[in-house]
């Protein structure tokens, strides 16, 4: 049955047809049904005489399309918060595929789904997959929230590539923008912390990493990276209590994360304590 779930999801998305509405730039509103993209035209099913047929509208004529919000977005968000990243990917993939033909049209949920998928790639450190998706997002939408998510993730990749000053500039741009999404800002602070750490600016790095547990405690997928990053800073700053607190939280709450495994390698002096809290 599991192999049919993506098909069933796509079917349910398509069958939300009655709630789809095309809004043209001249203000005309067209009830949509079973929308599909055909090149530069959006086709909708309608009654023609005594039978069903299709009529097309040029994308250039369309101001937006009102789609029903896919429940998979909330499902994936819940799974991400629970640390079930692979399940979240499976949940969100059919949404991305369904809305991809409409990704350049206002009202599509492709950008929302892509931003969730991107946050998972960053959490799993799938750099190549993240880079590909970032380019797709930046090249196919003008939604400021989607673009902010892509830019924050790109800043993380820059930091991981050792391009610290570029990462700082890119992350600062997101942090100082109107971005309000907690995942986007968390990604920006992760990039900021990584870049400051590489530049041996350990206090600034610690402050960046600490934004996640203090201001964005819902970011379970990115929390291990923030905790390990802050622990590295506290070691450099000789802040023993803060170091122990960060590592204990990592051990108690995120013992299945790659960051916990890495922490046991990097901090051998307290390796026994970490194992006892697992």
C-alpha atoms as a PDB file:
ATOM      1  CA  UNK A   1       0.000   0.000   0.000  1.00  0.00           C
ATOM      2  CA  UNK A   2       2.859   2.393   0.823  1.00  0.00           C
ATOM      3  CA  UNK A   3       4.067   2.589  -2.773  1.00  0.00           C
ATOM      4  CA  UNK A   4       0.659   3.949  -3.810  1.00  0.00           C
ATOM      5  CA  UNK A   5       0.635   6.765  -1.240  1.00  0.00           C
ATOM      6  CA  UNK A   6       2.408   9.365  -3.463  1.00  0.00           C
ATOM      7  CA  UNK A   7      -0.091   8.634  -6.249  1.00  0.00           C
ATOM      8  CA  UNK A   8      -2.997   8.948  -3.831  1.00  0.00           C
ATOM      9  CA  UNK A   9      -1.571  12.231  -2.574  1.00  0.00           C
ATOM     10  CA  UNK A  10      -1.280  13.608  -6.093  1.00  0.00           C
ATOM     11  CA  UNK A  11      -4.815  12.450  -6.800  1.00  0.00           C
ATOM     12  CA  UNK A  12      -6.121  14.195  -3.691  1.00  0.00           C
ATOM     13  CA  UNK A  13      -4.276  17.371  -4.650  1.00  0.00           C
ATOM     14  CA  UNK A  14      -5.719  17.286  -8.143  1.00  0.00           C
ATOM     15  CA  UNK A  15      -9.194  16.557  -6.852  1.00  0.00           C
ATOM     16  CA  UNK A  16      -9.129  19.730  -4.801  1.00  0.00           C
ATOM     17  CA  UNK A  17     -10.110  21.167  -8.154  1.00  0.00           C
ATOM     18  CA  UNK A  18     -13.347  22.761  -6.994  1.00  0.00           C
ATOM     19  CA  UNK A  19     -11.357  25.062  -4.712  1.00  0.00           C
ATOM     20  CA  UNK A  20      -8.993  26.263  -7.440  1.00  0.00           C
ATOM     21  CA  UNK A  21      -9.675  29.735  -8.781  1.00  0.00           C
ATOM     22  CA  UNK A  22      -7.840  31.542 -11.572  1.00  0.00           C
ATOM     23  CA  UNK A  23      -7.646  35.304 -11.143  1.00  0.00           C
ATOM     24  CA  UNK A  24      -6.751  37.205 -14.300  1.00  0.00           C
ATOM     25  CA  UNK A  25      -4.914  40.510 -14.374  1.00  0.00           C
ATOM     26  CA  UNK A  26      -8.038  42.246 -15.675  1.00  0.00           C
ATOM     27  CA  UNK A  27      -9.855  41.208 -12.494  1.00  0.00           C
ATOM     28  CA  UNK A  28     -11.879  38.399 -14.027  1.00  0.00           C
ATOM     29  CA  UNK A  29     -12.256  35.318 -11.809  1.00  0.00           C
ATOM     30  CA  UNK A  30     -12.537  31.837 -13.297  1.00  0.00           C
ATOM     31  CA  UNK A  31     -13.471  28.797 -11.185  1.00  0.00           C
ATOM     32  CA  UNK A  32     -10.777  26.223 -11.916  1.00  0.00           C
ATOM     33  CA  UNK A  33     -11.000  22.470 -12.126  1.00  0.00           C
ATOM     34  CA  UNK A  34      -8.196  19.934 -12.638  1.00  0.00           C
ATOM     35  CA  UNK A  35      -5.683  22.611 -13.564  1.00  0.00           C
ATOM     36  CA  UNK A  36      -2.656  21.629 -15.580  1.00  0.00           C
ATOM     37  CA  UNK A  37       0.184  23.509 -17.230  1.00  0.00           C
ATOM     38  CA  UNK A  38       0.725  23.295 -20.964  1.00  0.00           C
ATOM     39  CA  UNK A  39       3.752  25.414 -21.770  1.00  0.00           C
ATOM     40  CA  UNK A  40       2.799  29.078 -21.350  1.00  0.00           C
ATOM     41  CA  UNK A  41      -0.857  28.182 -20.810  1.00  0.00           C
ATOM     42  CA  UNK A  42      -2.822  26.993 -17.784  1.00  0.00           C
ATOM     43  CA  UNK A  43      -5.616  24.635 -18.776  1.00  0.00           C
ATOM     44  CA  UNK A  44      -8.776  24.184 -16.730  1.00  0.00           C
ATOM     45  CA  UNK A  45     -11.604  21.699 -17.184  1.00  0.00           C
ATOM     46  CA  UNK A  46     -15.002  23.230 -17.842  1.00  0.00           C
ATOM     47  CA  UNK A  47     -18.388  22.375 -19.290  1.00  0.00           C
ATOM     48  CA  UNK A  48     -18.543  22.839 -23.042  1.00  0.00           C
ATOM     49  CA  UNK A  49     -22.064  22.246 -24.299  1.00  0.00           C
ATOM     50  CA  UNK A  50     -23.195  18.971 -22.784  1.00  0.00           C
ATOM     51  CA  UNK A  51     -19.735  17.603 -22.097  1.00  0.00           C
ATOM     52  CA  UNK A  52     -16.526  18.439 -20.293  1.00  0.00           C
ATOM     53  CA  UNK A  53     -13.722  20.148 -22.143  1.00  0.00           C
ATOM     54  CA  UNK A  54     -10.680  22.301 -21.485  1.00  0.00           C
ATOM     55  CA  UNK A  55     -10.057  25.990 -21.894  1.00  0.00           C
ATOM     56  CA  UNK A  56      -6.662  27.643 -21.585  1.00  0.00           C
ATOM     57  CA  UNK A  57      -5.444  30.933 -20.171  1.00  0.00           C
ATOM     58  CA  UNK A  58      -2.040  32.392 -20.951  1.00  0.00           C
ATOM     59  CA  UNK A  59       0.216  32.592 -17.897  1.00  0.00           C
ATOM     60  CA  UNK A  60       0.935  36.213 -18.872  1.00  0.00           C
ATOM     61  CA  UNK A  61      -2.771  36.956 -18.290  1.00  0.00           C
ATOM     62  CA  UNK A  62      -2.894  35.352 -14.849  1.00  0.00           C
ATOM     63  CA  UNK A  63      -2.420  37.462 -11.717  1.00  0.00           C
ATOM     64  CA  UNK A  64      -2.675  34.507  -9.338  1.00  0.00           C
ATOM     65  CA  UNK A  65      -4.294  31.157  -8.705  1.00  0.00           C
ATOM     66  CA  UNK A  66      -6.060  30.365  -5.459  1.00  0.00           C
ATOM     67  CA  UNK A  67      -5.251  26.804  -4.433  1.00  0.00           C
ATOM     68  CA  UNK A  68      -6.446  24.986  -1.314  1.00  0.00           C
ATOM     69  CA  UNK A  69      -3.594  24.617   1.165  1.00  0.00           C
ATOM     70  CA  UNK A  70      -2.295  21.035   0.997  1.00  0.00           C
ATOM     71  CA  UNK A  71      -2.447  19.338   4.415  1.00  0.00           C
ATOM     72  CA  UNK A  72       0.908  17.701   3.687  1.00  0.00           C
ATOM     73  CA  UNK A  73       2.605  21.011   4.554  1.00  0.00           C
ATOM     74  CA  UNK A  74       1.461  20.786   8.160  1.00  0.00           C
ATOM     75  CA  UNK A  75       2.153  17.059   8.240  1.00  0.00           C
ATOM     76  CA  UNK A  76       5.724  17.600   7.064  1.00  0.00           C
ATOM     77  CA  UNK A  77       6.260  20.433   9.555  1.00  0.00           C
ATOM     78  CA  UNK A  78       5.121  18.163  12.379  1.00  0.00           C
ATOM     79  CA  UNK A  79       7.409  15.359  11.205  1.00  0.00           C
ATOM     80  CA  UNK A  80      10.374  17.730  10.968  1.00  0.00           C
ATOM     81  CA  UNK A  81       9.740  18.931  14.512  1.00  0.00           C
ATOM     82  CA  UNK A  82       9.745  15.292  15.627  1.00  0.00           C
ATOM     83  CA  UNK A  83      13.060  14.686  13.886  1.00  0.00           C
ATOM     84  CA  UNK A  84      11.494  12.331  11.336  1.00  0.00           C
ATOM     85  CA  UNK A  85      13.194  13.964   8.374  1.00  0.00           C
ATOM     86  CA  UNK A  86      12.950  11.103   5.877  1.00  0.00           C
ATOM     87  CA  UNK A  87       9.221  10.767   6.537  1.00  0.00           C
ATOM     88  CA  UNK A  88       8.835  14.509   6.118  1.00  0.00           C
ATOM     89  CA  UNK A  89      10.564  14.309   2.734  1.00  0.00           C
ATOM     90  CA  UNK A  90       8.181  11.569   1.626  1.00  0.00           C
ATOM     91  CA  UNK A  91       5.233  13.669   2.727  1.00  0.00           C
ATOM     92  CA  UNK A  92       6.330  16.844   0.971  1.00  0.00           C
ATOM     93  CA  UNK A  93       7.594  15.385  -2.322  1.00  0.00           C
ATOM     94  CA  UNK A  94       4.153  14.875  -3.967  1.00  0.00           C
ATOM     95  CA  UNK A  95       3.265  18.488  -3.125  1.00  0.00           C
ATOM     96  CA  UNK A  96       6.429  19.754  -4.798  1.00  0.00           C
ATOM     97  CA  UNK A  97       5.772  17.646  -7.875  1.00  0.00           C
ATOM     98  CA  UNK A  98       2.136  18.730  -8.154  1.00  0.00           C
ATOM     99  CA  UNK A  99       2.838  22.449  -7.816  1.00  0.00           C
ATOM    100  CA  UNK A 100       6.100  22.557  -9.803  1.00  0.00           C
ATOM    101  CA  UNK A 101       4.308  23.460 -13.086  1.00  0.00           C
ATOM    102  CA  UNK A 102       2.776  26.470 -11.282  1.00  0.00           C
ATOM    103  CA  UNK A 103       5.879  27.514  -9.330  1.00  0.00           C
ATOM    104  CA  UNK A 104       6.192  30.845 -11.141  1.00  0.00           C
ATOM    105  CA  UNK A 105       2.550  31.793 -10.549  1.00  0.00           C
ATOM    106  CA  UNK A 106       1.466  33.623  -7.413  1.00  0.00           C
ATOM    107  CA  UNK A 107      -0.629  31.412  -5.152  1.00  0.00           C
ATOM    108  CA  UNK A 108       1.240  28.169  -5.806  1.00  0.00           C
ATOM    109  CA  UNK A 109       2.356  26.226  -2.738  1.00  0.00           C
ATOM    110  CA  UNK A 110       5.478  25.025  -4.516  1.00  0.00           C
ATOM    111  CA  UNK A 111       7.653  27.595  -2.747  1.00  0.00           C
ATOM    112  CA  UNK A 112       6.370  26.656   0.697  1.00  0.00           C
ATOM    113  CA  UNK A 113       6.997  22.982   0.027  1.00  0.00           C
ATOM    114  CA  UNK A 114      10.427  23.653  -1.468  1.00  0.00           C
ATOM    115  CA  UNK A 115      11.457  25.696   1.574  1.00  0.00           C
ATOM    116  CA  UNK A 116      10.535  22.806   3.869  1.00  0.00           C
ATOM    117  CA  UNK A 117      12.431  20.343   1.682  1.00  0.00           C
ATOM    118  CA  UNK A 118      15.459  22.641   1.646  1.00  0.00           C
ATOM    119  CA  UNK A 119      15.523  22.871   5.442  1.00  0.00           C
ATOM    120  CA  UNK A 120      15.625  19.064   5.564  1.00  0.00           C
ATOM    121  CA  UNK A 121      18.521  18.918   3.108  1.00  0.00           C
ATOM    122  CA  UNK A 122      20.460  21.409   5.247  1.00  0.00           C
ATOM    123  CA  UNK A 123      19.661  19.484   8.444  1.00  0.00           C
ATOM    124  CA  UNK A 124      20.941  16.300   6.776  1.00  0.00           C
ATOM    125  CA  UNK A 125      23.914  18.165   5.270  1.00  0.00           C
ATOM    126  CA  UNK A 126      22.973  17.066   1.765  1.00  0.00           C
ATOM    127  CA  UNK A 127      24.937  19.892   0.204  1.00  0.00           C
ATOM    128  CA  UNK A 128      24.614  18.911  -3.455  1.00  0.00           C
ATOM    129  CA  UNK A 129      20.844  18.385  -3.204  1.00  0.00           C
ATOM    130  CA  UNK A 130      20.483  21.662  -1.310  1.00  0.00           C
ATOM    131  CA  UNK A 131      22.482  23.586  -3.927  1.00  0.00           C
ATOM    132  CA  UNK A 132      20.331  22.214  -6.757  1.00  0.00           C
ATOM    133  CA  UNK A 133      17.108  23.143  -4.974  1.00  0.00           C
ATOM    134  CA  UNK A 134      18.415  26.611  -4.050  1.00  0.00           C
ATOM    135  CA  UNK A 135      19.110  27.360  -7.705  1.00  0.00           C
ATOM    136  CA  UNK A 136      15.640  26.153  -8.677  1.00  0.00           C
ATOM    137  CA  UNK A 137      14.025  28.334  -6.010  1.00  0.00           C
ATOM    138  CA  UNK A 138      15.963  31.470  -6.888  1.00  0.00           C
ATOM    139  CA  UNK A 139      15.319  30.990 -10.598  1.00  0.00           C
ATOM    140  CA  UNK A 140      11.595  30.292 -10.508  1.00  0.00           C
ATOM    141  CA  UNK A 141       9.909  32.516  -7.960  1.00  0.00           C
ATOM    142  CA  UNK A 142       9.700  36.118  -6.856  1.00  0.00           C
ATOM    143  CA  UNK A 143       8.077  35.252  -3.520  1.00  0.00           C
ATOM    144  CA  UNK A 144      10.213  37.129  -0.944  1.00  0.00           C
ATOM    145  CA  UNK A 145       9.748  34.455   1.731  1.00  0.00           C
ATOM    146  CA  UNK A 146      10.857  31.665  -0.596  1.00  0.00           C
ATOM    147  CA  UNK A 147      13.825  33.691  -1.789  1.00  0.00           C
ATOM    148  CA  UNK A 148      14.841  34.460   1.798  1.00  0.00           C
ATOM    149  CA  UNK A 149      14.793  30.745   2.614  1.00  0.00           C
ATOM    150  CA  UNK A 150      16.977  29.985  -0.394  1.00  0.00           C
ATOM    151  CA  UNK A 151      19.409  32.799   0.434  1.00  0.00           C
ATOM    152  CA  UNK A 152      19.724  31.693   4.059  1.00  0.00           C
ATOM    153  CA  UNK A 153      20.445  28.134   2.951  1.00  0.00           C
ATOM    154  CA  UNK A 154      22.951  29.373   0.397  1.00  0.00           C
ATOM    155  CA  UNK A 155      24.723  31.225   3.206  1.00  0.00           C
ATOM    156  CA  UNK A 156      25.037  27.908   5.083  1.00  0.00           C
ATOM    157  CA  UNK A 157      26.591  26.257   2.027  1.00  0.00           C
ATOM    158  CA  UNK A 158      29.032  29.168   1.677  1.00  0.00           C
ATOM    159  CA  UNK A 159      30.073  28.743   5.309  1.00  0.00           C
ATOM    160  CA  UNK A 160      30.566  24.995   4.856  1.00  0.00           C
ATOM    161  CA  UNK A 161      32.658  25.695   1.756  1.00  0.00           C
ATOM    162  CA  UNK A 162      34.989  27.914   3.791  1.00  0.00           C
ATOM    163  CA  UNK A 163      33.802  31.141   2.188  1.00  0.00           C
ATOM    164  CA  UNK A 164      33.308  32.760   5.572  1.00  0.00           C
ATOM    165  CA  UNK A 165      33.137  36.429   4.613  1.00  0.00           C
ATOM    166  CA  UNK A 166      30.650  35.701   1.826  1.00  0.00           C
ATOM    167  CA  UNK A 167      28.610  33.601   4.249  1.00  0.00           C
ATOM    168  CA  UNK A 168      28.579  36.445   6.785  1.00  0.00           C
ATOM    169  CA  UNK A 169      27.416  38.949   4.196  1.00  0.00           C
ATOM    170  CA  UNK A 170      24.715  36.599   2.902  1.00  0.00           C
ATOM    171  CA  UNK A 171      23.449  35.619   6.358  1.00  0.00           C
ATOM    172  CA  UNK A 172      23.486  39.208   7.616  1.00  0.00           C
ATOM    173  CA  UNK A 173      21.373  40.211   4.623  1.00  0.00           C
ATOM    174  CA  UNK A 174      18.694  37.720   5.642  1.00  0.00           C
ATOM    175  CA  UNK A 175      18.922  38.503   9.365  1.00  0.00           C
ATOM    176  CA  UNK A 176      18.574  42.244   8.720  1.00  0.00           C
ATOM    177  CA  UNK A 177      15.735  41.796   6.221  1.00  0.00           C
ATOM    178  CA  UNK A 178      12.010  41.549   6.854  1.00  0.00           C
ATOM    179  CA  UNK A 179      12.232  37.759   7.028  1.00  0.00           C
ATOM    180  CA  UNK A 180      10.164  36.403   9.905  1.00  0.00           C
ATOM    181  CA  UNK A 181      10.019  32.658   9.252  1.00  0.00           C
ATOM    182  CA  UNK A 182      11.745  30.854  12.129  1.00  0.00           C
ATOM    183  CA  UNK A 183      13.321  28.213   9.886  1.00  0.00           C
ATOM    184  CA  UNK A 184      14.742  30.819   7.526  1.00  0.00           C
ATOM    185  CA  UNK A 185      16.189  32.858  10.382  1.00  0.00           C
ATOM    186  CA  UNK A 186      17.579  29.748  12.063  1.00  0.00           C
ATOM    187  CA  UNK A 187      19.383  28.816   8.856  1.00  0.00           C
ATOM    188  CA  UNK A 188      20.797  32.324   8.634  1.00  0.00           C
ATOM    189  CA  UNK A 189      22.079  32.181  12.216  1.00  0.00           C
ATOM    190  CA  UNK A 190      23.615  28.744  11.632  1.00  0.00           C
ATOM    191  CA  UNK A 191      25.508  30.193   8.655  1.00  0.00           C
ATOM    192  CA  UNK A 192      26.452  33.262  10.702  1.00  0.00           C
ATOM    193  CA  UNK A 193      27.769  31.142  13.539  1.00  0.00           C
ATOM    194  CA  UNK A 194      29.760  28.847  11.262  1.00  0.00           C
ATOM    195  CA  UNK A 195      31.342  31.818   9.501  1.00  0.00           C
ATOM    196  CA  UNK A 196      32.253  33.680  12.700  1.00  0.00           C
ATOM    197  CA  UNK A 197      33.736  30.490  14.153  1.00  0.00           C
ATOM    198  CA  UNK A 198      35.921  29.945  11.085  1.00  0.00           C
ATOM    199  CA  UNK A 199      37.145  33.538  11.467  1.00  0.00           C
ATOM    200  CA  UNK A 200      37.972  32.805  15.132  1.00  0.00           C
ATOM    201  CA  UNK A 201      35.331  35.273  16.286  1.00  0.00           C
ATOM    202  CA  UNK A 202      34.089  32.892  18.936  1.00  0.00           C
ATOM    203  CA  UNK A 203      31.873  35.213  20.983  1.00  0.00           C
ATOM    204  CA  UNK A 204      30.007  36.354  17.870  1.00  0.00           C
ATOM    205  CA  UNK A 205      29.725  32.739  16.750  1.00  0.00           C
ATOM    206  CA  UNK A 206      28.288  31.653  20.108  1.00  0.00           C
ATOM    207  CA  UNK A 207      25.738  34.472  20.032  1.00  0.00           C
ATOM    208  CA  UNK A 208      24.627  33.413  16.555  1.00  0.00           C
ATOM    209  CA  UNK A 209      24.245  29.743  17.452  1.00  0.00           C
ATOM    210  CA  UNK A 210      22.395  30.568  20.678  1.00  0.00           C
ATOM    211  CA  UNK A 211      19.657  32.347  18.736  1.00  0.00           C
ATOM    212  CA  UNK A 212      18.221  28.956  17.806  1.00  0.00           C
ATOM    213  CA  UNK A 213      17.637  27.473  21.303  1.00  0.00           C
ATOM    214  CA  UNK A 214      16.672  30.859  22.778  1.00  0.00           C
ATOM    215  CA  UNK A 215      14.422  32.329  20.099  1.00  0.00           C
ATOM    216  CA  UNK A 216      13.513  29.375  17.882  1.00  0.00           C
ATOM    217  CA  UNK A 217      13.131  26.349  20.186  1.00  0.00           C
ATOM    218  CA  UNK A 218      10.731  24.735  17.691  1.00  0.00           C
ATOM    219  CA  UNK A 219      13.576  24.167  15.229  1.00  0.00           C
ATOM    220  CA  UNK A 220      14.269  20.560  16.193  1.00  0.00           C
ATOM    221  CA  UNK A 221      15.892  19.649  12.875  1.00  0.00           C
ATOM    222  CA  UNK A 222      18.492  22.421  13.157  1.00  0.00           C
ATOM    223  CA  UNK A 223      18.895  22.371  16.950  1.00  0.00           C
ATOM    224  CA  UNK A 224      21.684  19.741  17.015  1.00  0.00           C
ATOM    225  CA  UNK A 225      23.799  21.900  14.698  1.00  0.00           C
ATOM    226  CA  UNK A 226      23.224  24.924  16.917  1.00  0.00           C
ATOM    227  CA  UNK A 227      24.088  23.008  20.086  1.00  0.00           C
ATOM    228  CA  UNK A 228      27.262  21.495  18.656  1.00  0.00           C
ATOM    229  CA  UNK A 229      28.262  24.835  17.187  1.00  0.00           C
ATOM    230  CA  UNK A 230      27.771  26.624  20.491  1.00  0.00           C
ATOM    231  CA  UNK A 231      29.679  23.866  22.336  1.00  0.00           C
ATOM    232  CA  UNK A 232      32.664  24.391  20.049  1.00  0.00           C
ATOM    233  CA  UNK A 233      32.533  28.100  20.828  1.00  0.00           C
ATOM    234  CA  UNK A 234      32.296  27.537  24.582  1.00  0.00           C
ATOM    235  CA  UNK A 235      35.344  25.266  24.421  1.00  0.00           C
ATOM    236  CA  UNK A 236      37.345  28.024  22.738  1.00  0.00           C
ATOM    237  CA  UNK A 237      36.043  30.581  25.249  1.00  0.00           C
ATOM    238  CA  UNK A 238      36.791  28.271  28.188  1.00  0.00           C
ATOM    239  CA  UNK A 239      33.151  28.540  29.312  1.00  0.00           C
ATOM    240  CA  UNK A 240      32.966  25.156  31.028  1.00  0.00           C
ATOM    241  CA  UNK A 241      29.437  25.365  32.468  1.00  0.00           C
ATOM    242  CA  UNK A 242      27.944  26.506  29.171  1.00  0.00           C
ATOM    243  CA  UNK A 243      29.891  23.807  27.341  1.00  0.00           C
ATOM    244  CA  UNK A 244      28.566  21.116  29.648  1.00  0.00           C
ATOM    245  CA  UNK A 245      24.996  22.410  29.351  1.00  0.00           C
ATOM    246  CA  UNK A 246      25.121  22.440  25.546  1.00  0.00           C
ATOM    247  CA  UNK A 247      26.548  18.938  25.313  1.00  0.00           C
ATOM    248  CA  UNK A 248      24.190  17.537  27.939  1.00  0.00           C
ATOM    249  CA  UNK A 249      21.183  18.917  26.041  1.00  0.00           C
ATOM    250  CA  UNK A 250      22.568  17.462  22.824  1.00  0.00           C
ATOM    251  CA  UNK A 251      23.050  14.085  24.489  1.00  0.00           C
ATOM    252  CA  UNK A 252      19.687  13.964  26.228  1.00  0.00           C
ATOM    253  CA  UNK A 253      17.461  15.321  23.460  1.00  0.00           C
ATOM    254  CA  UNK A 254      19.286  14.559  20.196  1.00  0.00           C
ATOM    255  CA  UNK A 255      21.229  11.362  20.882  1.00  0.00           C
ATOM    256  CA  UNK A 256      20.336   9.941  17.445  1.00  0.00           C
ATOM    257  CA  UNK A 257      21.696  12.936  15.548  1.00  0.00           C
ATOM    258  CA  UNK A 258      24.982  12.954  13.603  1.00  0.00           C
ATOM    259  CA  UNK A 259      25.976  15.979  15.689  1.00  0.00           C
ATOM    260  CA  UNK A 260      25.838  13.911  18.885  1.00  0.00           C
ATOM    261  CA  UNK A 261      28.122  11.309  17.331  1.00  0.00           C
ATOM    262  CA  UNK A 262      30.477  14.076  16.253  1.00  0.00           C
ATOM    263  CA  UNK A 263      30.425  15.612  19.740  1.00  0.00           C
ATOM    264  CA  UNK A 264      31.620  12.338  21.271  1.00  0.00           C
ATOM    265  CA  UNK A 265      34.576  12.421  18.903  1.00  0.00           C
ATOM    266  CA  UNK A 266      35.445  16.068  19.487  1.00  0.00           C
ATOM    267  CA  UNK A 267      35.087  16.066  23.262  1.00  0.00           C
ATOM    268  CA  UNK A 268      36.805  12.879  24.492  1.00  0.00           C
ATOM    269  CA  UNK A 269      37.317  14.271  28.000  1.00  0.00           C
ATOM    270  CA  UNK A 270      33.594  14.032  28.671  1.00  0.00           C
ATOM    271  CA  UNK A 271      32.870  11.106  26.377  1.00  0.00           C
ATOM    272  CA  UNK A 272      31.993   8.873  29.329  1.00  0.00           C
ATOM    273  CA  UNK A 273      29.443  11.385  30.614  1.00  0.00           C
ATOM    274  CA  UNK A 274      27.865  11.701  27.176  1.00  0.00           C
ATOM    275  CA  UNK A 275      27.495   7.939  26.885  1.00  0.00           C
ATOM    276  CA  UNK A 276      25.877   7.718  30.300  1.00  0.00           C
ATOM    277  CA  UNK A 277      23.200  10.222  29.320  1.00  0.00           C
ATOM    278  CA  UNK A 278      22.310   8.483  26.079  1.00  0.00           C
END
